[in-house]
Protein backbone atom coordinates (compact mmCIF):
# COMPACT_ATOMS: atom_id res chain seq x y z
CA UNK A 1 -89.63 -32.46 -109.70
CA UNK A 2 -92.74 -32.06 -107.20
CA UNK A 3 -93.99 -35.28 -108.62
CA UNK A 4 -90.81 -37.05 -108.31
CA UNK A 5 -90.36 -35.71 -104.63
CA UNK A 6 -93.78 -36.64 -103.51
CA UNK A 7 -93.08 -40.08 -105.02
CA UNK A 8 -89.85 -40.68 -103.36
CA UNK A 9 -91.56 -39.42 -99.85
CA UNK A 10 -94.26 -41.98 -100.36
CA UNK A 11 -92.12 -44.77 -101.14
CA UNK A 12 -90.20 -43.67 -97.77
CA UNK A 13 -93.40 -43.29 -95.72
CA UNK A 14 -94.48 -47.07 -96.70
CA UNK A 15 -90.89 -48.19 -95.34
CA UNK A 16 -91.38 -46.12 -92.17
CA UNK A 17 -95.04 -48.04 -91.47
CA UNK A 18 -95.35 -48.77 -87.96
CA UNK A 19 -95.73 -52.41 -89.11
CA UNK A 20 -92.30 -53.92 -88.07
CA UNK A 21 -92.73 -57.35 -89.82
CA UNK A 22 -93.24 -55.47 -93.17
CA UNK A 23 -89.57 -54.42 -92.67
CA UNK A 24 -87.98 -57.25 -91.35
CA UNK A 25 -86.78 -55.26 -88.66
CA UNK A 26 -86.77 -58.38 -85.89
CA UNK A 27 -84.26 -60.38 -88.59
CA UNK A 28 -82.30 -57.63 -89.93
CA UNK A 29 -80.18 -57.19 -86.34
CA UNK A 30 -76.68 -57.86 -87.77
CA UNK A 31 -75.16 -58.60 -84.44
CA UNK A 32 -77.87 -61.16 -83.78
CA UNK A 33 -77.30 -64.69 -82.58
CA UNK A 34 -78.24 -67.69 -84.47
CA UNK A 35 -80.90 -68.22 -82.19
CA UNK A 36 -83.92 -65.70 -83.73
CA UNK A 37 -85.87 -63.54 -81.65
CA UNK A 38 -89.08 -65.55 -81.71
CA UNK A 39 -87.22 -68.52 -80.07
CA UNK A 40 -87.42 -66.39 -76.53
CA UNK A 41 -91.68 -67.24 -77.07
CA UNK A 42 -91.01 -70.82 -77.84
CA UNK A 43 -88.93 -71.56 -74.90
CA UNK A 44 -91.22 -69.70 -72.39
CA UNK A 45 -93.63 -72.53 -72.64
CA UNK A 46 -93.54 -74.97 -69.81
CA UNK A 47 -93.02 -77.65 -72.00
CA UNK A 48 -91.82 -78.85 -75.49
CA UNK A 49 -94.78 -80.06 -77.11
CA UNK A 50 -94.40 -81.47 -80.92
CA UNK A 51 -96.08 -77.79 -82.12
CA UNK A 52 -93.54 -75.47 -80.14
CA UNK A 53 -90.50 -78.15 -81.19
CA UNK A 54 -91.60 -77.65 -84.67
CA UNK A 55 -91.83 -74.04 -85.02
CA UNK A 56 -87.85 -73.94 -83.76
CA UNK A 57 -85.23 -73.60 -86.45
CA UNK A 58 -83.05 -76.62 -86.62
CA UNK A 59 -80.15 -75.57 -84.90
CA UNK A 60 -82.86 -74.49 -81.70
CA UNK A 61 -84.25 -77.65 -80.94
CA UNK A 62 -83.49 -79.78 -78.48
CA UNK A 63 -80.45 -81.80 -78.40
CA UNK A 64 -81.54 -85.19 -77.53
CA UNK A 65 -81.23 -86.34 -81.27
CA UNK A 66 -77.38 -84.98 -81.13
CA UNK A 67 -76.80 -87.43 -78.53
CA UNK A 68 -77.47 -90.52 -80.83
CA UNK A 69 -75.33 -92.09 -82.93
CA UNK A 70 -77.23 -90.60 -85.89
CA UNK A 71 -75.63 -87.22 -84.94
CA UNK A 72 -72.26 -88.94 -84.91
CA UNK A 73 -72.71 -90.29 -88.12
CA UNK A 74 -74.34 -87.56 -90.00
CA UNK A 75 -73.68 -84.08 -88.03
CA UNK A 76 -74.15 -80.65 -89.41
CA UNK A 77 -71.64 -79.05 -91.28
CA UNK A 78 -70.50 -75.53 -91.69
CA UNK A 79 -72.12 -75.60 -95.61
CA UNK A 80 -75.59 -77.01 -94.01
CA UNK A 81 -75.41 -73.98 -91.11
CA UNK A 82 -75.07 -71.38 -93.74
CA UNK A 83 -78.01 -72.76 -95.75
CA UNK A 84 -80.15 -72.78 -92.91
CA UNK A 85 -78.92 -68.80 -92.86
CA UNK A 86 -80.09 -68.67 -95.86
CA UNK A 87 -83.41 -69.61 -95.38
CA UNK A 88 -84.14 -66.80 -92.61
CA UNK A 89 -84.96 -63.96 -94.48
CA UNK A 90 -88.29 -62.01 -94.49
CA UNK A 91 -90.49 -60.94 -97.40
CA UNK A 92 -88.97 -57.69 -97.67
CA UNK A 93 -85.10 -59.05 -97.38
CA UNK A 94 -85.84 -61.42 -100.35
CA UNK A 95 -87.34 -58.38 -102.48
CA UNK A 96 -84.08 -56.54 -101.65
CA UNK A 97 -82.08 -59.20 -102.97
CA UNK A 98 -83.56 -59.04 -106.62
CA UNK A 99 -82.90 -55.51 -106.85
CA UNK A 100 -80.28 -54.11 -104.17
CA UNK A 101 -78.85 -51.14 -105.90
CA UNK A 102 -82.43 -50.07 -106.42
CA UNK A 103 -82.91 -50.10 -102.61
CA UNK A 104 -79.65 -48.77 -101.45
CA UNK A 105 -80.15 -46.18 -104.00
CA UNK A 106 -83.73 -45.06 -102.48
CA UNK A 107 -82.09 -45.00 -99.39
CA UNK A 108 -79.79 -42.16 -100.32
CA UNK A 109 -82.45 -40.55 -101.93
CA UNK A 110 -84.80 -40.46 -99.15
CA UNK A 111 -83.35 -37.88 -96.84
CA UNK A 112 -83.50 -35.25 -99.43
CA UNK A 113 -86.42 -35.80 -101.06
CA UNK A 114 -88.41 -35.87 -97.82
CA UNK A 115 -87.12 -32.71 -96.69
CA UNK A 116 -87.86 -31.48 -100.18
CA UNK A 117 -91.49 -32.11 -99.88
CA UNK A 118 -91.72 -31.05 -96.37
CA UNK A 119 -90.42 -27.51 -97.81
CA UNK A 120 -93.29 -27.56 -100.67
CA UNK A 121 -96.34 -28.79 -98.33
CA UNK A 122 -95.63 -26.39 -95.17
CA UNK A 123 -98.72 -24.10 -95.32
CA UNK A 124 -96.87 -21.09 -94.63
CA UNK A 125 -95.01 -17.94 -96.72
CA UNK A 126 -92.58 -17.67 -93.92
CA UNK A 127 -89.22 -19.25 -94.42
CA UNK A 128 -88.74 -20.39 -90.51
CA UNK A 129 -92.37 -22.53 -91.19
CA UNK A 130 -90.67 -24.16 -94.17
CA UNK A 131 -87.60 -24.78 -92.59
CA UNK A 132 -89.65 -26.64 -89.89
CA UNK A 133 -91.50 -28.71 -92.17
CA UNK A 134 -88.48 -29.71 -93.79
CA UNK A 135 -86.91 -30.80 -90.52
CA UNK A 136 -89.84 -32.87 -89.66
CA UNK A 137 -90.17 -34.70 -92.83
CA UNK A 138 -86.33 -34.97 -93.24
CA UNK A 139 -86.41 -36.63 -89.87
CA UNK A 140 -88.83 -39.15 -91.26
CA UNK A 141 -86.81 -39.54 -94.25
CA UNK A 142 -83.50 -40.22 -92.30
CA UNK A 143 -85.43 -42.71 -90.30
CA UNK A 144 -86.47 -44.36 -93.56
CA UNK A 145 -82.86 -44.58 -95.15
CA UNK A 146 -81.89 -46.15 -92.10
CA UNK A 147 -84.79 -48.88 -92.47
CA UNK A 148 -83.89 -49.34 -95.64
CA UNK A 149 -80.23 -49.56 -95.21
CA UNK A 150 -80.73 -52.17 -92.48
CA UNK A 151 -83.23 -54.51 -94.76
CA UNK A 152 -80.24 -54.02 -97.40
CA UNK A 153 -77.70 -55.06 -95.13
CA UNK A 154 -79.60 -57.96 -93.85
CA UNK A 155 -80.50 -58.92 -97.65
CA UNK A 156 -76.69 -59.17 -98.37
CA UNK A 157 -76.17 -61.62 -95.08
CA UNK A 158 -77.78 -64.19 -96.96
CA UNK A 159 -76.33 -63.58 -100.01
CA UNK A 160 -73.08 -63.58 -98.49
CA UNK A 161 -73.72 -67.32 -97.55
CA UNK A 162 -74.80 -68.05 -100.26
CA UNK A 163 -71.39 -66.96 -101.91
CA UNK A 164 -69.79 -69.46 -99.52
CA UNK A 165 -72.12 -72.41 -100.39
CA UNK A 166 -71.60 -72.28 -104.14
CA UNK A 167 -67.64 -71.24 -104.10
CA UNK A 168 -66.69 -73.41 -101.37
CA UNK A 169 -64.63 -72.47 -98.64
CA UNK A 170 -61.75 -74.08 -100.55
CA UNK A 171 -62.19 -71.91 -103.99
CA UNK A 172 -59.73 -69.28 -104.60
CA UNK A 173 -61.87 -67.13 -105.92
CA UNK A 174 -64.27 -66.93 -103.03
CA UNK A 175 -62.34 -63.56 -102.04
CA UNK A 176 -63.68 -61.93 -105.11
CA UNK A 177 -66.86 -63.44 -105.09
CA UNK A 178 -67.42 -61.96 -101.52
CA UNK A 179 -66.17 -58.55 -102.76
CA UNK A 180 -68.48 -58.61 -105.34
CA UNK A 181 -71.68 -58.94 -103.01
CA UNK A 182 -70.23 -56.06 -101.33
CA UNK A 183 -70.53 -53.87 -104.17
CA UNK A 184 -73.29 -55.05 -105.35
CA UNK A 185 -75.22 -54.44 -101.84
CA UNK A 186 -73.41 -51.04 -101.68
CA UNK A 187 -72.43 -51.82 -97.71
CA UNK A 188 -69.82 -49.92 -95.87
CA UNK A 189 -66.69 -51.76 -94.75
CA UNK A 190 -67.55 -51.67 -91.20
CA UNK A 191 -70.90 -53.12 -91.67
CA UNK A 192 -69.98 -55.58 -93.77
CA UNK A 193 -67.01 -56.88 -91.89
CA UNK A 194 -69.64 -57.52 -89.29
CA UNK A 195 -71.34 -59.64 -91.84
CA UNK A 196 -68.73 -61.72 -92.84
CA UNK A 197 -67.85 -62.25 -88.95
CA UNK A 198 -71.78 -63.47 -88.84
CA UNK A 199 -71.38 -65.66 -91.61
CA UNK A 200 -67.84 -67.15 -90.43
CA UNK A 201 -69.58 -67.65 -86.56
CA UNK A 202 -72.49 -69.75 -87.93
CA UNK A 203 -70.15 -71.70 -90.32
CA UNK A 204 -67.90 -72.66 -86.95
CA UNK A 205 -71.34 -73.39 -84.84
CA UNK A 206 -72.02 -75.57 -87.55
CA UNK A 207 -69.04 -77.40 -87.65
CA UNK A 208 -69.12 -78.25 -83.96
CA UNK A 209 -72.43 -79.44 -83.90
CA UNK A 210 -70.82 -82.59 -85.01
CA UNK A 211 -68.91 -83.29 -81.92
CA UNK A 212 -66.19 -85.58 -83.99
CA UNK A 213 -63.33 -83.40 -84.72
CA UNK A 214 -61.45 -83.88 -87.85
CA UNK A 215 -58.06 -82.29 -88.92
CA UNK A 216 -59.75 -81.09 -92.24
CA UNK A 217 -61.74 -78.68 -90.35
CA UNK A 218 -59.10 -76.63 -89.02
CA UNK A 219 -57.87 -75.85 -92.72
CA UNK A 220 -61.50 -75.24 -93.97
CA UNK A 221 -61.91 -72.49 -90.97
CA UNK A 222 -59.02 -71.17 -92.32
CA UNK A 223 -59.74 -70.53 -95.75
CA UNK A 224 -63.06 -69.39 -94.92
CA UNK A 225 -61.61 -66.85 -92.69
CA UNK A 226 -58.87 -65.55 -95.58
CA UNK A 227 -61.69 -64.99 -98.03
CA UNK A 228 -63.92 -63.38 -95.76
CA UNK A 229 -60.92 -61.27 -94.93
CA UNK A 230 -61.69 -61.75 -91.50
CA UNK A 231 -58.96 -59.65 -88.83
CA UNK A 232 -57.27 -61.58 -85.72
CA UNK A 233 -59.96 -59.23 -83.68
CA UNK A 234 -63.15 -60.10 -85.42
CA UNK A 235 -62.13 -64.06 -85.59
CA UNK A 236 -61.34 -63.37 -81.67
CA UNK A 237 -64.61 -61.81 -81.14
CA UNK A 238 -66.58 -64.29 -83.73
CA UNK A 239 -65.30 -67.35 -81.66
CA UNK A 240 -66.10 -65.75 -78.46
CA UNK A 241 -69.76 -64.81 -79.50
CA UNK A 242 -69.91 -68.33 -81.02
CA UNK A 243 -68.95 -70.02 -77.80
CA UNK A 244 -71.38 -68.24 -75.54
CA UNK A 245 -74.42 -68.81 -78.16
CA UNK A 246 -73.36 -72.54 -78.76
CA UNK A 247 -73.02 -73.16 -74.69
CA UNK A 248 -76.27 -71.06 -73.89
CA UNK A 249 -78.19 -73.05 -76.49
CA UNK A 250 -76.64 -76.61 -75.57
CA UNK A 251 -77.01 -75.71 -71.87
CA UNK A 252 -80.55 -75.59 -72.24
CA UNK A 253 -81.09 -79.06 -73.00
CA UNK A 254 -77.85 -80.65 -71.31
CA UNK A 255 -77.31 -81.00 -67.73
CA UNK A 256 -74.30 -79.83 -66.29
CA UNK A 257 -73.44 -83.46 -64.97
CA UNK A 258 -73.62 -84.58 -68.87
CA UNK A 259 -71.37 -81.92 -69.94
CA UNK A 260 -68.92 -83.10 -67.24
CA UNK A 261 -68.68 -86.55 -69.22
CA UNK A 262 -66.00 -86.56 -71.78
CA UNK A 263 -68.03 -88.89 -73.56
CA UNK A 264 -71.02 -87.13 -73.96
CA UNK A 265 -71.69 -85.71 -77.45
CA UNK A 266 -72.25 -82.35 -75.98
CA UNK A 267 -69.18 -82.50 -74.23
CA UNK A 268 -67.51 -83.62 -77.02
CA UNK A 269 -68.65 -80.87 -79.48
CA UNK A 270 -67.67 -77.99 -76.41
CA UNK A 271 -64.18 -79.71 -76.64
CA UNK A 272 -63.46 -79.52 -79.83
CA UNK A 273 -64.54 -75.82 -80.23
CA UNK A 274 -61.80 -75.33 -77.86
CA UNK A 275 -59.53 -77.28 -80.09
CA UNK A 276 -60.61 -75.24 -83.27
CA UNK A 277 -60.59 -71.96 -81.24
CA UNK A 278 -57.16 -73.01 -79.77
CA UNK A 279 -55.49 -73.95 -83.41
CA UNK A 280 -57.23 -70.66 -84.89
CA UNK A 281 -55.46 -68.25 -82.94
CA UNK A 282 -52.26 -69.99 -82.62
CA UNK A 283 -52.02 -70.38 -86.36
CA UNK A 284 -52.99 -66.67 -86.53
CA UNK A 285 -50.11 -65.45 -85.31
CA UNK A 286 -51.13 -64.53 -82.36
CA UNK A 287 -48.67 -63.25 -79.62
CA UNK A 288 -48.67 -65.02 -76.46
CA UNK A 289 -50.70 -62.08 -74.42
CA UNK A 290 -53.14 -61.83 -77.11
CA UNK A 291 -53.82 -65.74 -77.29
CA UNK A 292 -54.21 -65.67 -73.62
CA UNK A 293 -56.90 -62.94 -73.60
CA UNK A 294 -58.68 -64.79 -76.77
CA UNK A 295 -58.65 -68.28 -75.53
CA UNK A 296 -60.02 -67.32 -72.02
CA UNK A 297 -62.85 -65.76 -73.39
CA UNK A 298 -63.84 -68.79 -74.95
CA UNK A 299 -62.88 -70.98 -71.90
CA UNK A 300 -64.92 -68.66 -69.82
CA UNK A 301 -68.36 -69.11 -72.51
CA UNK A 302 -68.10 -72.61 -71.29
CA UNK A 303 -67.63 -71.88 -67.71
CA UNK A 304 -64.38 -72.87 -67.37
CA UNK A 305 -60.63 -71.41 -67.08
CA UNK A 306 -57.92 -71.71 -69.52
CA UNK A 307 -55.87 -74.05 -67.87
CA UNK A 308 -58.74 -76.76 -68.22
CA UNK A 309 -59.60 -75.21 -71.84
CA UNK A 310 -56.21 -75.93 -72.66
CA UNK A 311 -56.02 -79.75 -71.12
CA UNK A 312 -59.21 -80.15 -73.11
CA UNK A 313 -57.57 -79.10 -76.26
CA UNK A 314 -54.85 -81.60 -75.84
CA UNK A 315 -57.19 -84.27 -75.59
CA UNK A 316 -58.57 -83.73 -78.72
CA UNK A 317 -55.33 -83.27 -80.23
CA UNK A 318 -53.11 -86.37 -78.75
CA UNK A 319 -55.34 -88.80 -80.60
CA UNK A 320 -54.97 -87.49 -83.83
CA UNK A 321 -51.24 -87.65 -83.62
CA UNK A 322 -51.26 -91.16 -82.00
CA UNK A 323 -53.01 -92.50 -85.29
CA UNK A 324 -50.38 -90.62 -87.05
CA UNK A 325 -47.63 -92.32 -85.50
CA UNK A 326 -49.52 -95.75 -86.07
CA UNK A 327 -49.62 -95.50 -89.27
CA UNK A 328 -46.10 -94.28 -89.60
CA UNK A 329 -45.27 -97.68 -88.45
CA UNK A 330 -47.71 -99.34 -90.54
CA UNK A 331 -46.14 -97.66 -93.43
CA UNK A 332 -42.35 -97.78 -92.31
CA UNK A 333 -40.94 -99.61 -95.50
CA UNK A 334 -42.91 -98.08 -97.78
CA UNK A 335 -41.65 -94.61 -98.15
CA UNK A 336 -44.54 -92.78 -97.79
CA UNK A 337 -44.04 -91.10 -94.76
CA UNK A 338 -40.86 -88.99 -93.31
CA UNK A 339 -39.95 -87.02 -89.99
CA UNK A 340 -41.10 -83.79 -91.96
CA UNK A 341 -44.66 -85.09 -92.25
CA UNK A 342 -44.69 -85.78 -88.49
CA UNK A 343 -43.15 -82.69 -88.00
CA UNK A 344 -45.97 -80.77 -89.78
CA UNK A 345 -48.59 -82.75 -88.04
CA UNK A 346 -47.41 -81.74 -84.50
CA UNK A 347 -47.31 -77.67 -85.83
CA UNK A 348 -50.65 -78.20 -87.54
CA UNK A 349 -52.17 -80.04 -84.18
CA UNK A 350 -50.09 -78.01 -81.58
CA UNK A 351 -48.91 -81.01 -80.32
CA UNK A 352 -45.76 -79.52 -77.80
CA UNK A 353 -42.30 -80.78 -77.33
CA UNK A 354 -42.64 -82.66 -74.09
CA UNK A 355 -46.03 -84.50 -75.06
CA UNK A 356 -44.36 -85.64 -78.48
CA UNK A 357 -41.47 -86.98 -76.83
CA UNK A 358 -43.56 -89.36 -74.56
CA UNK A 359 -45.85 -90.35 -77.51
CA UNK A 360 -42.61 -91.00 -79.47
CA UNK A 361 -41.57 -93.12 -76.62
CA UNK A 362 -44.62 -95.09 -76.19
CA UNK A 363 -44.86 -95.54 -80.32
CA UNK A 364 -41.16 -96.98 -79.89
CA UNK A 365 -41.72 -98.99 -77.43
CA UNK A 366 -45.07 -100.39 -79.29
CA UNK A 367 -42.71 -101.23 -82.08
CA UNK A 368 -40.13 -102.92 -80.11
CA UNK A 369 -42.94 -105.48 -77.96
CA UNK A 370 -44.49 -105.74 -81.82
CA UNK A 371 -41.03 -107.35 -83.28
CA UNK A 372 -40.66 -109.65 -80.16
CA UNK A 373 -44.10 -111.14 -80.68
CA UNK A 374 -45.00 -109.61 -76.94
CA UNK A 375 -47.92 -107.83 -76.16
CA UNK A 376 -47.23 -106.67 -72.79
CA UNK A 377 -43.76 -105.87 -70.70
CA UNK A 378 -44.90 -108.45 -68.24
CA UNK A 379 -44.78 -111.17 -71.23
CA UNK A 380 -40.76 -110.01 -71.72
CA UNK A 381 -38.34 -112.36 -70.59
CA UNK A 382 -34.78 -111.34 -71.17
CA UNK A 383 -33.20 -115.25 -71.63
CA UNK A 384 -35.93 -115.92 -74.55
CA UNK A 385 -35.96 -112.45 -76.40
CA UNK A 386 -34.91 -112.69 -79.98
CA UNK A 387 -35.50 -110.27 -82.73
CA UNK A 388 -36.77 -111.01 -86.25
CA UNK A 389 -34.40 -110.94 -89.20
CA UNK A 390 -33.94 -107.40 -90.23
CA UNK A 391 -35.69 -105.73 -87.35
CA UNK A 392 -32.81 -103.57 -86.61
CA UNK A 393 -32.76 -102.25 -89.54
CA UNK A 394 -36.65 -101.25 -88.94
CA UNK A 395 -35.76 -99.98 -85.58
CA UNK A 396 -33.36 -97.76 -87.09
CA UNK A 397 -35.59 -95.83 -89.61
CA UNK A 398 -38.05 -95.62 -86.81
CA UNK A 399 -35.78 -94.07 -84.83
CA UNK A 400 -34.76 -91.80 -87.43
CA UNK A 401 -38.60 -90.95 -87.78
CA UNK A 402 -39.17 -89.98 -84.40
CA UNK A 403 -35.90 -88.18 -83.77
CA UNK A 404 -35.03 -90.42 -80.90
CA UNK A 405 -31.25 -90.83 -80.18
CA UNK A 406 -30.48 -91.67 -84.14
CA UNK A 407 -26.66 -92.49 -82.68
CA UNK A 408 -27.64 -95.67 -81.49
CA UNK A 409 -28.53 -96.59 -84.77
CA UNK A 410 -26.81 -94.74 -87.87
CA UNK A 411 -28.31 -95.14 -90.84
CA UNK A 412 -25.30 -95.58 -92.88
CA UNK A 413 -24.37 -98.73 -91.14
CA UNK A 414 -24.53 -101.95 -92.46
CA UNK A 415 -24.74 -104.04 -89.52
CA UNK A 416 -27.87 -106.46 -88.84
């Protein structure tokens, strides 16, 4: 029994050694941002030479490359960002990932084992002296336990990211695989929820690195959130933290005047972030009060107010719906589109009633001009206007699709 206690205490002592690198403590803070601690040393230099830039992780390097056309084509995705996360591990973390249960068991045993050893080695017959010795070594054991727990939990983070990479966000089995990581690494509920939020945050940051918004990304974030069992509160925190980190990193290399340019890639990424955040909060069923609070926090991170943020969200969303309406005109007679499909698109993108009405009127006018063979309203001469054969039937269908005054063009009529 003495030998077992001494062995456990020795194990604890090894992990309580003053060299923090041995424990990866610098890399095991669960609430850390996606910029590691050694990044501060890199940016403190007066200039970014080739050596200092190469020392930075891919997500923390100057954003000049992000302003190139290559970035628009080959932008990072959320999965790419998680792959980077799996590489950001210390030597101890890699060791823990091989036997997470063993290290967690050692952390649970370290406090009583160290206390028992202190009782044995304290050179006194008096109980009080033994008690002091036990208390001292018990504290050391507790410190060892805390560090072992931190190492185990930090190892769970890249393991969790790897599960998302392997399964994909759209895998129905993702939630069960995530639960397996929790059981395997024996992380408590609160800490594991924090790990899940970190993975979600990193995925979100990866998505917005590509400034080109895609409607499929809305679904991806929803699926990932469901797979990681992230609550509304945690999602709000993740978006706010990610916004602060993304803006801080972006503003290091991009002047504010460039961020005011709607066509600059970094400004486009920020607008995309606002769009994804607004949709995430709305689609989660937040109350109006909660929504305003959450979107205001994200807007504040980008140094704008809520009204401007929502205007910029609309500027991202409207082109998607314009393309949907253009597609509707193209496929009008194919039977591949319907008013219900347009309604789902509006709900998915957050297009309000007034905006949809304005866009529907514009679409209708464009169709009329196309049928008349005219490019602009100035070309319209009432004396020479004539519609081609079948035009009225096409207009009736379009009105029905756009839900515009259908009584003027009833579908049941046989009139030309």
